[in-house]
Amino acid sequence: MSGTIDRAKDRARHEVDRARGRAKELAGRLTGDERREAEGRTDRARAELRRSWRSVRERARGVGDSLRKGRS
């Protein structure tokens, strides 16, 4: 059960990070602040990377569980 809650928390955090990055990027674009726009792109990319990494970890864990069950 706590794994499900952890995944939900991670997913929510990633979405907040992505939204924050989009907001920074848009604010930078609207004000002509290239640095803020770049920070926003970086924040969004970081959120996507974390989300992808979480997916890889979950799949690897599933493969490991399957292999352990096969040995039993």
PDB file of N, CA and C in Angstrom:
ATOM      1  N   MET A   1       0.816  -1.187   0.000  1.00  0.00           N
ATOM      2  CA  MET A   1       0.000   0.000   0.000  1.00  0.00           C
ATOM      3  C   MET A   1       0.869   1.264   0.000  1.00  0.00           C
ATOM      4  N   SER A   2       1.910   1.287   0.813  1.00  0.00           N
ATOM      5  CA  SER A   2       2.742   2.492   0.867  1.00  0.00           C
ATOM      6  C   SER A   2       3.452   2.729  -0.460  1.00  0.00           C
ATOM      7  N   GLY A   3       3.728   1.655  -1.214  1.00  0.00           N
ATOM      8  CA  GLY A   3       4.331   1.823  -2.535  1.00  0.00           C
ATOM      9  C   GLY A   3       3.422   2.598  -3.463  1.00  0.00           C
ATOM     10  N   THR A   4       2.136   2.320  -3.384  1.00  0.00           N
ATOM     11  CA  THR A   4       1.158   3.034  -4.200  1.00  0.00           C
ATOM     12  C   THR A   4       1.098   4.502  -3.799  1.00  0.00           C
ATOM     13  N   ILE A   5       1.128   4.754  -2.510  1.00  0.00           N
ATOM     14  CA  ILE A   5       1.101   6.130  -2.018  1.00  0.00           C
ATOM     15  C   ILE A   5       2.366   6.862  -2.441  1.00  0.00           C
ATOM     16  N   ASP A   6       3.516   6.198  -2.336  1.00  0.00           N
ATOM     17  CA  ASP A   6       4.777   6.814  -2.751  1.00  0.00           C
ATOM     18  C   ASP A   6       4.750   7.162  -4.234  1.00  0.00           C
ATOM     19  N   ARG A   7       4.225   6.245  -5.048  1.00  0.00           N
ATOM     20  CA  ARG A   7       4.141   6.514  -6.487  1.00  0.00           C
ATOM     21  C   ARG A   7       3.230   7.709  -6.760  1.00  0.00           C
ATOM     22  N   ALA A   8       2.120   7.776  -6.050  1.00  0.00           N
ATOM     23  CA  ALA A   8       1.192   8.899  -6.235  1.00  0.00           C
ATOM     24  C   ALA A   8       1.849  10.216  -5.825  1.00  0.00           C
ATOM     25  N   LYS A   9       2.579  10.202  -4.720  1.00  0.00           N
ATOM     26  CA  LYS A   9       3.280  11.411  -4.275  1.00  0.00           C
ATOM     27  C   LYS A   9       4.334  11.826  -5.295  1.00  0.00           C
ATOM     28  N   ASP A  10       5.102  10.851  -5.794  1.00  0.00           N
ATOM     29  CA  ASP A  10       6.125  11.152  -6.793  1.00  0.00           C
ATOM     30  C   ASP A  10       5.494  11.736  -8.050  1.00  0.00           C
ATOM     31  N   ARG A  11       4.416  11.111  -8.489  1.00  0.00           N
ATOM     32  CA  ARG A  11       3.745  11.578  -9.702  1.00  0.00           C
ATOM     33  C   ARG A  11       3.252  13.011  -9.514  1.00  0.00           C
ATOM     34  N   ALA A  12       2.665  13.300  -8.367  1.00  0.00           N
ATOM     35  CA  ALA A  12       2.175  14.654  -8.092  1.00  0.00           C
ATOM     36  C   ALA A  12       3.335  15.646  -8.053  1.00  0.00           C
ATOM     37  N   ARG A  13       4.430  15.247  -7.427  1.00  0.00           N
ATOM     38  CA  ARG A  13       5.594  16.140  -7.349  1.00  0.00           C
ATOM     39  C   ARG A  13       6.159  16.425  -8.736  1.00  0.00           C
ATOM     40  N   HIS A  14       6.204  15.390  -9.594  1.00  0.00           N
ATOM     41  CA  HIS A  14       6.712  15.578 -10.951  1.00  0.00           C
ATOM     42  C   HIS A  14       5.815  16.535 -11.734  1.00  0.00           C
ATOM     43  N   GLU A  15       4.515  16.391 -11.559  1.00  0.00           N
ATOM     44  CA  GLU A  15       3.586  17.277 -12.262  1.00  0.00           C
ATOM     45  C   GLU A  15       3.733  18.720 -11.783  1.00  0.00           C
ATOM     46  N   VAL A  16       3.921  18.904 -10.486  1.00  0.00           N
ATOM     47  CA  VAL A  16       4.127  20.254  -9.950  1.00  0.00           C
ATOM     48  C   VAL A  16       5.427  20.833 -10.506  1.00  0.00           C
ATOM     49  N   ASP A  17       6.490  20.032 -10.539  1.00  0.00           N
ATOM     50  CA  ASP A  17       7.772  20.498 -11.074  1.00  0.00           C
ATOM     51  C   ASP A  17       7.650  20.870 -12.552  1.00  0.00           C
ATOM     52  N   ARG A  18       6.931  20.041 -13.316  1.00  0.00           N
ATOM     53  CA  ARG A  18       6.731  20.342 -14.741  1.00  0.00           C
ATOM     54  C   ARG A  18       5.955  21.636 -14.909  1.00  0.00           C
ATOM     55  N   ALA A  19       4.891  21.809 -14.127  1.00  0.00           N
ATOM     56  CA  ALA A  19       4.080  23.025 -14.222  1.00  0.00           C
ATOM     57  C   ALA A  19       4.899  24.255 -13.828  1.00  0.00           C
ATOM     58  N   ARG A  20       5.705  24.115 -12.794  1.00  0.00           N
ATOM     59  CA  ARG A  20       6.555  25.227 -12.356  1.00  0.00           C
ATOM     60  C   ARG A  20       7.547  25.591 -13.468  1.00  0.00           C
ATOM     61  N   GLY A  21       8.105  24.576 -14.103  1.00  0.00           N
ATOM     62  CA  GLY A  21       9.028  24.817 -15.206  1.00  0.00           C
ATOM     63  C   GLY A  21       8.353  25.512 -16.374  1.00  0.00           C
ATOM     64  N   ARG A  22       7.150  25.063 -16.699  1.00  0.00           N
ATOM     65  CA  ARG A  22       6.401  25.713 -17.782  1.00  0.00           C
ATOM     66  C   ARG A  22       6.125  27.172 -17.455  1.00  0.00           C
ATOM     67  N   ALA A  23       5.737  27.430 -16.207  1.00  0.00           N
ATOM     68  CA  ALA A  23       5.436  28.801 -15.792  1.00  0.00           C
ATOM     69  C   ALA A  23       6.676  29.684 -15.901  1.00  0.00           C
ATOM     70  N   LYS A  24       7.814  29.169 -15.447  1.00  0.00           N
ATOM     71  CA  LYS A  24       9.062  29.946 -15.541  1.00  0.00           C
ATOM     72  C   LYS A  24       9.418  30.209 -16.995  1.00  0.00           C
ATOM     73  N   GLU A  25       9.283  29.160 -17.806  1.00  0.00           N
ATOM     74  CA  GLU A  25       9.622  29.306 -19.218  1.00  0.00           C
ATOM     75  C   GLU A  25       8.732  30.363 -19.880  1.00  0.00           C
ATOM     76  N   LEU A  26       7.448  30.304 -19.622  1.00  0.00           N
ATOM     77  CA  LEU A  26       6.514  31.269 -20.202  1.00  0.00           C
ATOM     78  C   LEU A  26       6.791  32.679 -19.685  1.00  0.00           C
ATOM     79  N   ALA A  27       7.035  32.806 -18.390  1.00  0.00           N
ATOM     80  CA  ALA A  27       7.334  34.124 -17.819  1.00  0.00           C
ATOM     81  C   ALA A  27       8.594  34.705 -18.455  1.00  0.00           C
ATOM     82  N   GLY A  28       9.588  33.859 -18.637  1.00  0.00           N
ATOM     83  CA  GLY A  28      10.813  34.321 -19.273  1.00  0.00           C
ATOM     84  C   GLY A  28      10.587  34.757 -20.706  1.00  0.00           C
ATOM     85  N   ARG A  29       9.772  33.986 -21.416  1.00  0.00           N
ATOM     86  CA  ARG A  29       9.478  34.317 -22.808  1.00  0.00           C
ATOM     87  C   ARG A  29       8.711  35.642 -22.890  1.00  0.00           C
ATOM     88  N   LEU A  30       7.737  35.823 -22.006  1.00  0.00           N
ATOM     89  CA  LEU A  30       6.916  37.036 -22.040  1.00  0.00           C
ATOM     90  C   LEU A  30       7.693  38.284 -21.652  1.00  0.00           C
ATOM     91  N   THR A  31       8.653  38.129 -20.743  1.00  0.00           N
ATOM     92  CA  THR A  31       9.417  39.290 -20.276  1.00  0.00           C
ATOM     93  C   THR A  31      10.739  39.468 -21.011  1.00  0.00           C
ATOM     94  N   GLY A  32      11.071  38.519 -21.870  1.00  0.00           N
ATOM     95  CA  GLY A  32      12.338  38.600 -22.582  1.00  0.00           C
ATOM     96  C   GLY A  32      13.524  38.182 -21.733  1.00  0.00           C
ATOM     97  N   ASP A  33      13.273  37.515 -20.630  1.00  0.00           N
ATOM     98  CA  ASP A  33      14.327  37.065 -19.716  1.00  0.00           C
ATOM     99  C   ASP A  33      14.786  35.668 -20.146  1.00  0.00           C
ATOM    100  N   GLU A  34      15.851  35.635 -20.922  1.00  0.00           N
ATOM    101  CA  GLU A  34      16.340  34.362 -21.460  1.00  0.00           C
ATOM    102  C   GLU A  34      16.787  33.405 -20.357  1.00  0.00           C
ATOM    103  N   ARG A  35      17.339  33.962 -19.307  1.00  0.00           N
ATOM    104  CA  ARG A  35      17.807  33.112 -18.209  1.00  0.00           C
ATOM    105  C   ARG A  35      16.633  32.385 -17.540  1.00  0.00           C
ATOM    106  N   ARG A  36      15.562  33.107 -17.261  1.00  0.00           N
ATOM    107  CA  ARG A  36      14.389  32.489 -16.634  1.00  0.00           C
ATOM    108  C   ARG A  36      13.759  31.465 -17.581  1.00  0.00           C
ATOM    109  N   GLU A  37      13.725  31.770 -18.846  1.00  0.00           N
ATOM    110  CA  GLU A  37      13.184  30.831 -19.828  1.00  0.00           C
ATOM    111  C   GLU A  37      14.010  29.543 -19.838  1.00  0.00           C
ATOM    112  N   ALA A  38      15.332  29.690 -19.805  1.00  0.00           N
ATOM    113  CA  ALA A  38      16.217  28.518 -19.776  1.00  0.00           C
ATOM    114  C   ALA A  38      16.042  27.728 -18.479  1.00  0.00           C
ATOM    115  N   GLU A  39      15.878  28.428 -17.365  1.00  0.00           N
ATOM    116  CA  GLU A  39      15.637  27.741 -16.085  1.00  0.00           C
ATOM    117  C   GLU A  39      14.351  26.922 -16.156  1.00  0.00           C
ATOM    118  N   GLY A  40      13.340  27.477 -16.787  1.00  0.00           N
ATOM    119  CA  GLY A  40      12.078  26.766 -16.932  1.00  0.00           C
ATOM    120  C   GLY A  40      12.238  25.505 -17.765  1.00  0.00           C
ATOM    121  N   ARG A  41      12.966  25.602 -18.864  1.00  0.00           N
ATOM    122  CA  ARG A  41      13.219  24.411 -19.693  1.00  0.00           C
ATOM    123  C   ARG A  41      13.996  23.367 -18.910  1.00  0.00           C
ATOM    124  N   THR A  42      14.967  23.824 -18.128  1.00  0.00           N
ATOM    125  CA  THR A  42      15.761  22.906 -17.307  1.00  0.00           C
ATOM    126  C   THR A  42      14.895  22.226 -16.253  1.00  0.00           C
ATOM    127  N   ASP A  43      14.036  22.983 -15.600  1.00  0.00           N
ATOM    128  CA  ASP A  43      13.140  22.410 -14.586  1.00  0.00           C
ATOM    129  C   ASP A  43      12.219  21.361 -15.199  1.00  0.00           C
ATOM    130  N   ARG A  44      11.671  21.666 -16.363  1.00  0.00           N
ATOM    131  CA  ARG A  44      10.785  20.694 -17.027  1.00  0.00           C
ATOM    132  C   ARG A  44      11.546  19.437 -17.411  1.00  0.00           C
ATOM    133  N   ALA A  45      12.740  19.602 -17.951  1.00  0.00           N
ATOM    134  CA  ALA A  45      13.546  18.442 -18.343  1.00  0.00           C
ATOM    135  C   ALA A  45      13.910  17.600 -17.124  1.00  0.00           C
ATOM    136  N   ARG A  46      14.235  18.238 -16.022  1.00  0.00           N
ATOM    137  CA  ARG A  46      14.571  17.519 -14.792  1.00  0.00           C
ATOM    138  C   ARG A  46      13.369  16.707 -14.303  1.00  0.00           C
ATOM    139  N   ALA A  47      12.184  17.297 -14.364  1.00  0.00           N
ATOM    140  CA  ALA A  47      10.968  16.590 -13.942  1.00  0.00           C
ATOM    141  C   ALA A  47      10.713  15.382 -14.838  1.00  0.00           C
ATOM    142  N   GLU A  48      10.915  15.534 -16.133  1.00  0.00           N
ATOM    143  CA  GLU A  48      10.720  14.416 -17.065  1.00  0.00           C
ATOM    144  C   GLU A  48      11.736  13.312 -16.804  1.00  0.00           C
ATOM    145  N   LEU A  49      12.962  13.706 -16.528  1.00  0.00           N
ATOM    146  CA  LEU A  49      14.002  12.720 -16.245  1.00  0.00           C
ATOM    147  C   LEU A  49      13.675  11.933 -14.984  1.00  0.00           C
ATOM    148  N   ARG A  50      13.229  12.606 -13.944  1.00  0.00           N
ATOM    149  CA  ARG A  50      12.845  11.912 -12.709  1.00  0.00           C
ATOM    150  C   ARG A  50      11.699  10.943 -12.956  1.00  0.00           C
ATOM    151  N   ARG A  51      10.719  11.380 -13.754  1.00  0.00           N
ATOM    152  CA  ARG A  51       9.574  10.520 -14.056  1.00  0.00           C
ATOM    153  C   ARG A  51      10.031   9.286 -14.826  1.00  0.00           C
ATOM    154  N   SER A  52      10.901   9.479 -15.798  1.00  0.00           N
ATOM    155  CA  SER A  52      11.411   8.353 -16.580  1.00  0.00           C
ATOM    156  C   SER A  52      12.225   7.407 -15.709  1.00  0.00           C
ATOM    157  N   TRP A  53      13.048   7.954 -14.840  1.00  0.00           N
ATOM    158  CA  TRP A  53      13.870   7.133 -13.953  1.00  0.00           C
ATOM    159  C   TRP A  53      12.991   6.302 -13.031  1.00  0.00           C
ATOM    160  N   ARG A  54      11.928   6.896 -12.530  1.00  0.00           N
ATOM    161  CA  ARG A  54      10.995   6.167 -11.663  1.00  0.00           C
ATOM    162  C   ARG A  54      10.393   4.982 -12.419  1.00  0.00           C
ATOM    163  N   SER A  55      10.035   5.208 -13.667  1.00  0.00           N
ATOM    164  CA  SER A  55       9.453   4.147 -14.490  1.00  0.00           C
ATOM    165  C   SER A  55      10.448   3.010 -14.703  1.00  0.00           C
ATOM    166  N   VAL A  56      11.698   3.349 -14.977  1.00  0.00           N
ATOM    167  CA  VAL A  56      12.735   2.330 -15.173  1.00  0.00           C
ATOM    168  C   VAL A  56      12.926   1.523 -13.895  1.00  0.00           C
ATOM    169  N   ARG A  57      12.980   2.194 -12.755  1.00  0.00           N
ATOM    170  CA  ARG A  57      13.149   1.488 -11.474  1.00  0.00           C
ATOM    171  C   ARG A  57      11.998   0.532 -11.214  1.00  0.00           C
ATOM    172  N   GLU A  58      10.771   0.980 -11.480  1.00  0.00           N
ATOM    173  CA  GLU A  58       9.611   0.119 -11.246  1.00  0.00           C
ATOM    174  C   GLU A  58       9.643  -1.111 -12.143  1.00  0.00           C
ATOM    175  N   ARG A  59      10.003  -0.913 -13.400  1.00  0.00           N
ATOM    176  CA  ARG A  59      10.068  -2.053 -14.323  1.00  0.00           C
ATOM    177  C   ARG A  59      11.174  -3.017 -13.934  1.00  0.00           C
ATOM    178  N   ALA A  60      12.314  -2.487 -13.533  1.00  0.00           N
ATOM    179  CA  ALA A  60      13.417  -3.352 -13.105  1.00  0.00           C
ATOM    180  C   ALA A  60      13.022  -4.133 -11.859  1.00  0.00           C
ATOM    181  N   ARG A  61      12.328  -3.487 -10.952  1.00  0.00           N
ATOM    182  CA  ARG A  61      11.865  -4.161  -9.746  1.00  0.00           C
ATOM    183  C   ARG A  61      10.892  -5.284 -10.119  1.00  0.00           C
ATOM    184  N   GLY A  62      10.024  -5.041 -11.083  1.00  0.00           N
ATOM    185  CA  GLY A  62       9.081  -6.059 -11.532  1.00  0.00           C
ATOM    186  C   GLY A  62       9.783  -7.250 -12.149  1.00  0.00           C
ATOM    187  N   VAL A  63      10.825  -6.995 -12.936  1.00  0.00           N
ATOM    188  CA  VAL A  63      11.598  -8.086 -13.533  1.00  0.00           C
ATOM    189  C   VAL A  63      12.286  -8.887 -12.442  1.00  0.00           C
ATOM    190  N   GLY A  64      12.875  -8.201 -11.477  1.00  0.00           N
ATOM    191  CA  GLY A  64      13.535  -8.890 -10.365  1.00  0.00           C
ATOM    192  C   GLY A  64      12.562  -9.748  -9.584  1.00  0.00           C
ATOM    193  N   ASP A  65      11.369  -9.222  -9.332  1.00  0.00           N
ATOM    194  CA  ASP A  65      10.348  -9.998  -8.619  1.00  0.00           C
ATOM    195  C   ASP A  65       9.954 -11.232  -9.413  1.00  0.00           C
ATOM    196  N   SER A  66       9.805 -11.090 -10.720  1.00  0.00           N
ATOM    197  CA  SER A  66       9.441 -12.230 -11.567  1.00  0.00           C
ATOM    198  C   SER A  66      10.524 -13.296 -11.542  1.00  0.00           C
ATOM    199  N   LEU A  67      11.773 -12.865 -11.585  1.00  0.00           N
ATOM    200  CA  LEU A  67      12.876 -13.827 -11.559  1.00  0.00           C
ATOM    201  C   LEU A  67      12.926 -14.565 -10.224  1.00  0.00           C
ATOM    202  N   ARG A  68      12.703 -13.836  -9.142  1.00  0.00           N
ATOM    203  CA  ARG A  68      12.705 -14.483  -7.826  1.00  0.00           C
ATOM    204  C   ARG A  68      11.563 -15.485  -7.701  1.00  0.00           C
ATOM    205  N   LYS A  69      10.408 -15.159  -8.225  1.00  0.00           N
ATOM    206  CA  LYS A  69       9.272 -16.076  -8.171  1.00  0.00           C
ATOM    207  C   LYS A  69       9.548 -17.326  -8.996  1.00  0.00           C
ATOM    208  N   GLY A  70      10.258 -17.155 -10.095  1.00  0.00           N
ATOM    209  CA  GLY A  70      10.582 -18.292 -10.955  1.00  0.00           C
ATOM    210  C   GLY A  70      11.524 -19.276 -10.289  1.00  0.00           C
ATOM    211  N   ARG A  71      12.355 -18.805  -9.396  1.00  0.00           N
ATOM    212  CA  ARG A  71      13.321 -19.676  -8.706  1.00  0.00           C
ATOM    213  C   ARG A  71      12.675 -20.452  -7.573  1.00  0.00           C
ATOM    214  N   SER A  72      11.584 -19.945  -7.044  1.00  0.00           N
ATOM    215  CA  SER A  72      10.943 -20.580  -5.877  1.00  0.00           C
ATOM    216  C   SER A  72      10.296 -21.890  -6.225  1.00  0.00           C
TER     217      SER A  72
END
